[in-house]
Protein backbone atom coordinates (compact mmCIF):
# COMPACT_ATOMS: atom_id res chain seq x y z
CA MET A 1 70.51 21.10 79.18
CA SER A 2 67.57 19.44 80.69
CA ILE A 3 64.05 19.79 79.54
CA GLU A 4 61.42 19.62 82.19
CA THR A 5 58.19 17.97 81.37
CA PRO A 6 55.32 20.00 82.86
CA LYS A 7 53.09 18.23 85.21
CA GLN A 8 49.61 17.61 84.01
CA SER A 9 46.96 19.40 85.98
CA SER A 10 44.30 17.37 87.58
CA GLU A 11 41.72 19.57 85.85
CA ASN A 12 42.99 18.45 82.42
CA THR A 13 43.03 14.77 83.19
CA LEU A 14 40.77 12.79 80.86
CA ASN A 15 38.01 10.72 82.37
CA GLN A 16 38.74 7.13 81.35
CA GLU A 17 35.34 5.78 82.42
CA PRO A 18 32.73 5.39 79.63
CA ALA A 19 29.80 7.73 79.62
CA SER A 20 26.52 6.45 80.94
CA PRO A 21 23.36 6.29 78.74
CA LYS A 22 21.92 9.27 80.59
CA GLU A 23 25.05 11.29 79.94
CA LEU A 24 24.93 10.38 76.22
CA ARG A 25 21.31 11.54 75.98
CA ASP A 26 22.18 14.77 77.74
CA LEU A 27 25.07 15.22 75.34
CA PHE A 28 22.96 14.87 72.16
CA HIS A 29 19.61 16.21 73.31
CA GLY A 30 20.60 18.70 75.94
CA GLU A 31 20.88 22.41 75.47
CA ALA A 32 23.69 23.59 73.26
CA PRO A 33 26.51 25.25 75.13
CA GLU A 34 26.67 28.99 74.96
CA VAL A 35 28.77 30.15 72.02
CA THR A 36 30.61 33.42 72.18
CA ALA A 37 31.42 35.66 69.28
CA GLU A 38 35.07 34.89 69.71
CA ASP A 39 34.45 31.13 69.34
CA TYR A 40 32.33 31.68 66.17
CA TYR A 41 34.97 33.71 64.41
CA ASN A 42 37.77 31.33 65.38
CA ASN A 43 35.90 28.66 63.36
CA SER A 44 37.79 25.89 65.15
CA ASP A 45 36.87 22.23 64.87
CA SER A 46 35.48 22.26 68.37
CA THR A 47 33.32 25.33 67.70
CA PRO A 48 29.63 24.52 66.99
CA SER A 49 28.34 25.57 63.55
CA THR A 50 25.42 27.45 65.04
CA ALA A 51 26.15 31.18 65.21
CA PRO A 52 25.32 33.07 68.35
CA ASN A 53 22.05 34.94 68.27
CA THR A 54 23.40 38.40 68.52
CA ASN A 55 23.04 41.48 66.43
CA ASN A 56 26.34 42.83 67.50
CA ILE A 57 28.34 40.35 65.41
CA ALA A 58 29.61 41.77 62.12
CA GLU A 59 28.77 39.87 58.93
CA ARG A 60 31.52 37.48 57.95
CA LYS A 61 32.48 36.76 54.31
CA PRO A 62 32.10 33.06 53.44
CA THR A 63 35.21 31.17 52.55
CA LEU A 64 35.76 29.53 49.15
CA PRO A 65 34.83 26.00 50.36
CA GLU A 66 31.63 27.41 51.83
CA LYS A 67 30.74 29.08 48.51
CA TYR A 68 31.31 25.89 46.59
CA LEU A 69 29.29 23.77 49.00
CA ASN A 70 26.27 26.05 49.24
CA THR A 71 24.17 23.88 46.85
CA ARG A 72 23.16 20.23 46.93
CA PRO A 73 24.64 19.28 43.49
CA LYS A 74 27.95 20.87 44.47
CA GLN A 75 27.99 19.03 47.76
CA VAL A 76 27.53 15.76 45.95
CA GLY A 77 30.21 16.82 43.49
CA ALA A 78 32.61 17.47 46.33
CA VAL A 79 32.09 13.97 47.67
CA VAL A 80 32.61 12.48 44.21
CA LEU A 81 35.67 14.67 43.75
CA ALA A 82 37.24 13.43 46.90
CA THR A 83 36.57 9.83 45.88
CA ALA A 84 37.99 10.45 42.40
CA ILE A 85 41.15 12.00 43.79
CA PHE A 86 41.65 9.03 46.01
CA ALA A 87 41.00 6.51 43.21
CA GLY A 88 42.29 8.07 39.98
CA GLY A 89 44.39 11.07 40.73
CA PRO A 90 44.11 14.72 39.64
CA THR A 91 43.11 13.97 36.01
CA VAL A 92 40.01 12.09 37.05
CA ALA A 93 39.21 14.79 39.56
CA VAL A 94 39.25 17.50 36.90
CA ASN A 95 36.83 15.48 34.71
CA VAL A 96 34.51 14.94 37.63
CA ILE A 97 34.44 18.67 38.37
CA ALA A 98 33.60 19.49 34.73
CA ASN A 99 30.81 16.90 34.57
CA ASN A 100 29.37 18.08 37.85
CA ALA A 101 29.34 21.67 36.60
CA ASN A 102 27.45 20.63 33.48
CA HIS A 103 24.82 18.70 35.44
CA SER A 104 24.26 21.64 37.75
CA VAL A 105 22.98 23.78 34.85
CA ASP A 106 19.21 24.29 34.80
CA HIS A 107 18.17 22.74 31.46
CA ASN A 108 14.59 23.87 31.84
CA THR A 109 15.63 27.44 31.11
CA ASP A 110 15.25 28.50 27.48
CA PRO A 111 18.59 29.29 25.85
CA ILE A 112 19.29 32.90 25.05
CA GLN A 113 18.87 33.54 21.36
CA PRO A 114 21.17 35.95 19.55
CA SER A 115 19.62 39.30 18.83
CA GLY A 116 18.07 39.69 15.40
CA LEU A 117 17.22 35.98 15.02
CA GLU A 118 13.67 34.76 15.26
CA THR A 119 12.89 31.25 16.33
CA THR A 120 9.69 29.57 15.23
CA THR A 121 8.24 26.79 17.30
CA GLN A 122 6.86 24.00 15.12
CA PRO A 123 3.59 22.56 16.44
CA THR A 124 3.57 18.89 17.31
CA PRO A 125 1.72 17.04 14.49
CA SER A 126 -1.50 15.46 15.58
CA ALA A 127 -2.60 11.94 14.77
CA THR A 128 -4.98 13.32 12.16
CA SER A 129 -2.30 15.28 10.32
CA LEU A 130 0.02 12.29 10.33
CA ALA A 131 -2.69 10.17 8.77
CA GLU A 132 -3.24 12.76 6.08
CA VAL A 133 0.38 12.81 4.92
CA THR A 134 0.86 9.07 5.10
CA PRO A 135 1.74 7.85 1.59
CA SER A 136 -0.49 5.45 -0.08
CA ALA A 137 -0.19 1.70 0.85
CA SER A 138 0.19 0.91 -2.73
CA PRO A 139 3.77 -0.06 -3.53
CA SER A 140 5.16 1.14 -6.84
CA ASN A 141 6.43 -2.33 -7.80
CA ILE A 142 2.94 -3.88 -7.92
CA THR A 143 1.67 -4.29 -11.45
CA PRO A 144 -1.98 -3.13 -11.78
CA LEU A 145 -4.53 -5.72 -12.77
CA GLU A 146 -5.00 -5.99 -16.48
CA THR A 147 -8.52 -5.17 -17.51
CA ALA A 148 -10.17 -7.25 -20.19
CA LYS A 149 -10.18 -5.65 -23.59
CA PRO A 150 -13.66 -4.46 -24.49
CA THR A 151 -15.42 -6.48 -27.14
CA ALA A 152 -15.44 -4.68 -30.47
CA VAL A 153 -18.86 -3.36 -31.35
CA HIS A 154 -19.57 -3.06 -35.04
CA GLU A 155 -22.48 -1.07 -36.44
CA LEU A 156 -23.79 -0.70 -39.99
CA SER A 157 -24.60 2.72 -41.42
CA ALA A 158 -25.48 3.96 -44.93
CA ASP A 159 -23.03 6.86 -44.66
CA GLN A 160 -20.06 4.50 -44.39
CA SER A 161 -17.77 3.87 -47.32
CA GLU A 162 -17.72 0.43 -49.00
CA LYS A 163 -14.57 -0.53 -47.10
CA GLU A 164 -15.91 0.66 -43.74
CA LEU A 165 -19.21 -1.12 -44.31
CA ALA A 166 -17.49 -4.34 -45.38
CA THR A 167 -15.24 -4.21 -42.31
CA ASN A 168 -18.23 -3.87 -39.99
CA ILE A 169 -20.16 -6.66 -41.72
CA ILE A 170 -17.24 -9.05 -41.22
CA GLY A 171 -16.89 -7.78 -37.62
CA ILE A 172 -20.51 -8.62 -36.75
CA PHE A 173 -20.22 -12.10 -38.28
CA SER A 174 -17.03 -12.66 -36.28
CA GLU A 175 -18.74 -11.64 -33.04
CA TRP A 176 -21.71 -13.90 -33.75
CA ASN A 177 -19.40 -16.79 -34.65
CA SER A 178 -18.03 -16.97 -31.06
CA ALA A 179 -20.61 -15.08 -29.01
CA GLY A 180 -20.72 -16.46 -25.45
CA ALA A 181 -17.34 -18.22 -25.69
CA THR A 182 -16.19 -16.42 -22.53
CA VAL A 183 -15.05 -17.15 -18.99
CA ASP A 184 -18.38 -15.89 -17.60
CA THR A 185 -20.26 -18.43 -19.67
CA HIS A 186 -17.95 -21.17 -18.42
CA VAL A 187 -18.15 -20.18 -14.74
CA ASN A 188 -21.96 -19.95 -14.85
CA GLN A 189 -22.29 -23.25 -16.66
CA ASN A 190 -25.40 -25.28 -15.89
CA THR A 191 -23.94 -28.64 -14.87
CA TYR A 192 -27.36 -30.34 -14.79
CA VAL A 193 -27.30 -30.60 -18.58
CA SER A 194 -24.59 -31.64 -21.03
CA VAL A 195 -22.05 -29.14 -22.30
CA GLN A 196 -23.62 -29.33 -25.76
CA GLU A 197 -27.11 -28.57 -24.45
CA TYR A 198 -25.85 -25.73 -22.31
CA ALA A 199 -23.91 -24.20 -25.25
CA ALA A 200 -26.95 -24.52 -27.52
CA SER A 201 -29.09 -22.62 -25.02
CA VAL A 202 -26.53 -19.81 -24.86
CA ALA A 203 -26.22 -19.63 -28.66
CA ALA A 204 -30.03 -19.50 -29.03
CA LYS A 205 -30.02 -16.32 -26.94
CA ASN A 206 -27.27 -14.78 -29.07
CA THR A 207 -29.00 -15.33 -32.42
CA PRO A 208 -31.69 -12.63 -32.09
CA ILE A 209 -29.03 -10.03 -31.21
CA TYR A 210 -26.77 -10.56 -34.21
CA ALA A 211 -29.35 -11.65 -36.74
CA ALA A 212 -31.33 -8.47 -36.11
CA LYS A 213 -28.21 -6.28 -36.54
CA LEU A 214 -27.49 -7.85 -39.93
CA PHE A 215 -30.89 -8.80 -41.39
CA GLY A 216 -33.28 -6.47 -39.60
CA ALA A 217 -35.78 -6.87 -36.78
CA ASP A 218 -38.17 -8.99 -38.89
CA TYR A 219 -35.57 -11.67 -39.66
CA ALA A 220 -37.61 -14.37 -37.83
CA THR A 221 -40.64 -13.77 -40.06
CA ARG A 222 -38.50 -14.04 -43.13
CA MET A 223 -37.02 -17.34 -41.91
CA LYS A 224 -40.47 -18.90 -42.17
CA SER A 225 -40.83 -18.04 -45.86
CA ASP A 226 -37.19 -18.41 -47.00
CA PRO A 227 -35.67 -21.86 -46.37
CA VAL A 228 -32.23 -20.82 -47.64
CA PHE A 229 -32.16 -17.88 -45.30
CA GLU A 230 -33.45 -20.04 -42.46
CA LYS A 231 -30.67 -22.55 -42.98
CA PHE A 232 -28.05 -19.80 -43.01
CA VAL A 233 -29.24 -18.41 -39.65
CA ASN A 234 -29.48 -21.88 -38.10
CA ASP A 235 -25.98 -22.74 -39.30
CA MET A 236 -24.61 -19.59 -37.69
CA GLU A 237 -26.30 -20.52 -34.39
CA LYS A 238 -24.88 -24.04 -34.50
CA ARG A 239 -21.43 -22.70 -35.28
CA ASP A 240 -21.69 -20.36 -32.29
CA ALA A 241 -22.68 -23.28 -30.03
CA ALA A 242 -19.73 -25.35 -31.29
CA ASN A 243 -17.29 -22.55 -30.42
CA ILE A 244 -18.81 -22.25 -26.92
CA VAL A 245 -18.28 -25.98 -26.31
CA ALA A 246 -14.71 -25.73 -27.58
CA PHE A 247 -14.04 -22.80 -25.25
CA ILE A 248 -15.43 -24.54 -22.14
CA ARG A 249 -13.39 -27.69 -22.80
CA THR A 250 -10.13 -25.79 -23.27
CA ASP A 251 -10.56 -23.14 -20.54
CA ASN A 252 -8.95 -24.05 -17.21
CA THR A 253 -10.81 -21.34 -15.30
CA GLY A 254 -12.62 -22.81 -12.30
CA VAL A 255 -11.32 -26.31 -13.05
CA ALA A 256 -9.67 -28.29 -10.27
CA VAL A 257 -5.90 -28.51 -10.65
CA GLN A 258 -5.94 -32.27 -11.11
CA ASN A 259 -8.47 -31.88 -13.95
CA GLN A 260 -6.69 -29.10 -15.83
CA ASN A 261 -5.04 -29.91 -19.11
CA PRO A 262 -1.54 -28.37 -19.37
CA ASN A 263 -1.84 -28.54 -23.16
CA ASN A 264 -4.59 -25.92 -23.03
CA ILE A 265 -2.35 -22.90 -22.86
CA GLU A 266 -5.12 -20.67 -24.19
CA PRO A 267 -8.85 -21.40 -24.42
CA TRP A 268 -10.29 -21.88 -27.89
CA LYS A 269 -10.86 -18.76 -29.97
CA GLN A 270 -11.99 -18.36 -33.58
CA GLU A 271 -12.32 -15.07 -35.47
CA LEU A 272 -13.02 -13.60 -38.91
CA ALA A 273 -10.81 -10.81 -40.20
CA PHE A 274 -11.48 -8.40 -43.07
CA GLU A 275 -8.98 -8.30 -45.95
CA ASN A 276 -10.48 -6.25 -48.76
CA VAL A 277 -13.54 -5.50 -50.92
CA GLU A 278 -13.27 -7.47 -54.11
CA SER A 279 -16.21 -5.91 -55.95
CA TYR A 280 -19.17 -3.63 -55.43
CA THR A 281 -22.26 -3.22 -57.68
CA VAL A 282 -25.73 -1.70 -57.48
CA LEU A 283 -28.67 -3.25 -59.38
CA ASN A 284 -32.35 -2.25 -59.10
CA GLY A 285 -31.75 -0.62 -55.74
CA PHE A 286 -29.85 -3.60 -54.32
CA HIS A 287 -26.24 -3.24 -53.34
CA GLN A 288 -23.92 -6.18 -53.64
CA MET A 289 -20.37 -6.66 -52.29
CA ILE A 290 -17.94 -9.52 -52.46
CA ILE A 291 -15.62 -9.37 -49.44
CA ASP A 292 -12.41 -11.27 -48.97
CA CYS A 293 -11.87 -12.39 -45.40
CA VAL A 294 -9.86 -14.96 -43.48
CA GLU A 295 -10.87 -17.22 -40.62
CA THR A 296 -8.26 -17.68 -37.88
CA ASP A 297 -8.10 -19.73 -34.67
CA ASN A 298 -5.60 -20.67 -31.96
CA ARG A 299 -5.80 -24.47 -32.26
CA ALA A 300 -2.02 -24.64 -31.79
CA MET A 301 -2.44 -23.33 -28.21
CA ASN A 302 -4.86 -25.98 -26.97
CA LEU A 303 -5.84 -29.61 -27.36
CA TYR A 304 -9.40 -30.34 -28.36
CA GLY A 305 -10.56 -33.16 -30.64
CA GLY A 306 -13.86 -31.56 -31.64
CA THR A 307 -12.47 -28.23 -32.78
CA PRO A 308 -14.78 -26.53 -35.30
CA SER A 309 -13.31 -26.82 -38.74
CA GLY A 310 -11.77 -23.75 -40.25
CA THR A 311 -11.24 -23.09 -43.91
CA GLY A 312 -8.84 -20.16 -43.63
CA LYS A 313 -9.39 -17.85 -46.57
CA GLN A 314 -13.04 -17.22 -47.41
CA LYS A 315 -15.19 -15.10 -49.67
CA LEU A 316 -18.40 -13.54 -48.39
CA THR A 317 -21.02 -12.34 -50.85
CA VAL A 318 -23.68 -10.03 -49.38
CA THR A 319 -26.68 -8.22 -50.83
CA TYR A 320 -28.23 -5.35 -48.88
CA THR A 321 -30.51 -2.34 -49.10
CA LYS A 322 -30.15 1.21 -47.81
CA GLU A 323 -33.04 3.15 -46.30
CA GLY A 324 -31.99 6.43 -44.77
CA THR A 325 -29.04 5.53 -42.60
CA ASN A 326 -30.07 1.90 -42.14
CA VAL A 327 -28.37 -0.98 -43.91
CA THR A 328 -30.20 -4.34 -44.06
CA LEU A 329 -28.72 -7.54 -45.50
CA THR A 330 -31.06 -9.60 -47.68
CA GLU A 331 -28.61 -12.38 -48.50
CA ALA A 332 -25.23 -13.69 -47.24
CA LYS A 333 -23.12 -16.61 -48.38
CA PHE A 334 -19.65 -17.87 -47.35
CA VAL A 335 -17.50 -19.86 -49.80
CA ASP A 336 -13.91 -21.02 -49.66
CA ARG A 337 -11.35 -19.31 -51.87
């Protein structure tokens, strides 16, 4: 059985000569060939995508590929899908489709809230509100600065009991004994004079304060007529000056490091402490008390060759008068015991 090969018609013979530039321009920029309804519906590869402009053509339902490729994200997804299929197989392709579907969702649209639930939008805190709620810059592990203990202030009053009065008398003598032996006195030291002269000037200013509290405002007049009393007041002033000198020489405050003495752990301090009232009598309107007290210092915490001598246990005998609520000492004497 023989099979005859049909002869090719001359009309179907392909032109082997290349197209000229003019022909190429006419091909791309010339008028589109007339498309019939039959060609549009056949949807062949050679059929142009432009539909004929006719109202007589029935509306055609889009195919599934056309539905999928009707948006830009899906078109990109199709290209990625094809690449994924070629590179990684069906599993990769499925993942690409899922990711592309997620990215195609409009995230600017508010999500639908279930019925019955109210959502409250919290306002964005402003810079001012943030500053108001900022916790303090003070860390909890920082120890606050220790404030200096206030100096005890002792006052004499006629309505006090013998013990209370005796305690306050010893307290005032103790304050006078070391008045001005402070860091402030050291820092403000006048370096144009010797330490002794400077301490003496400070003690001279302290005497009127404490002498008046104990012996009354007219103590200076009495000093002129009573040599024993004068000597007592002068001795108290000298003792105060000696304690100021001892403090300055043992205080490392404001002293250059190379000049500080490591043996001066604490600056010099000397105090009188009340122990008890030994006796109390009244004669011709004069009250007399003998008070046991003890003198203490911290000489073990510093090194100073001129430390004022201390006798430890002492006995103070005082005579005083009462006028209203005022108490005025007329005599005072310290002796060792």
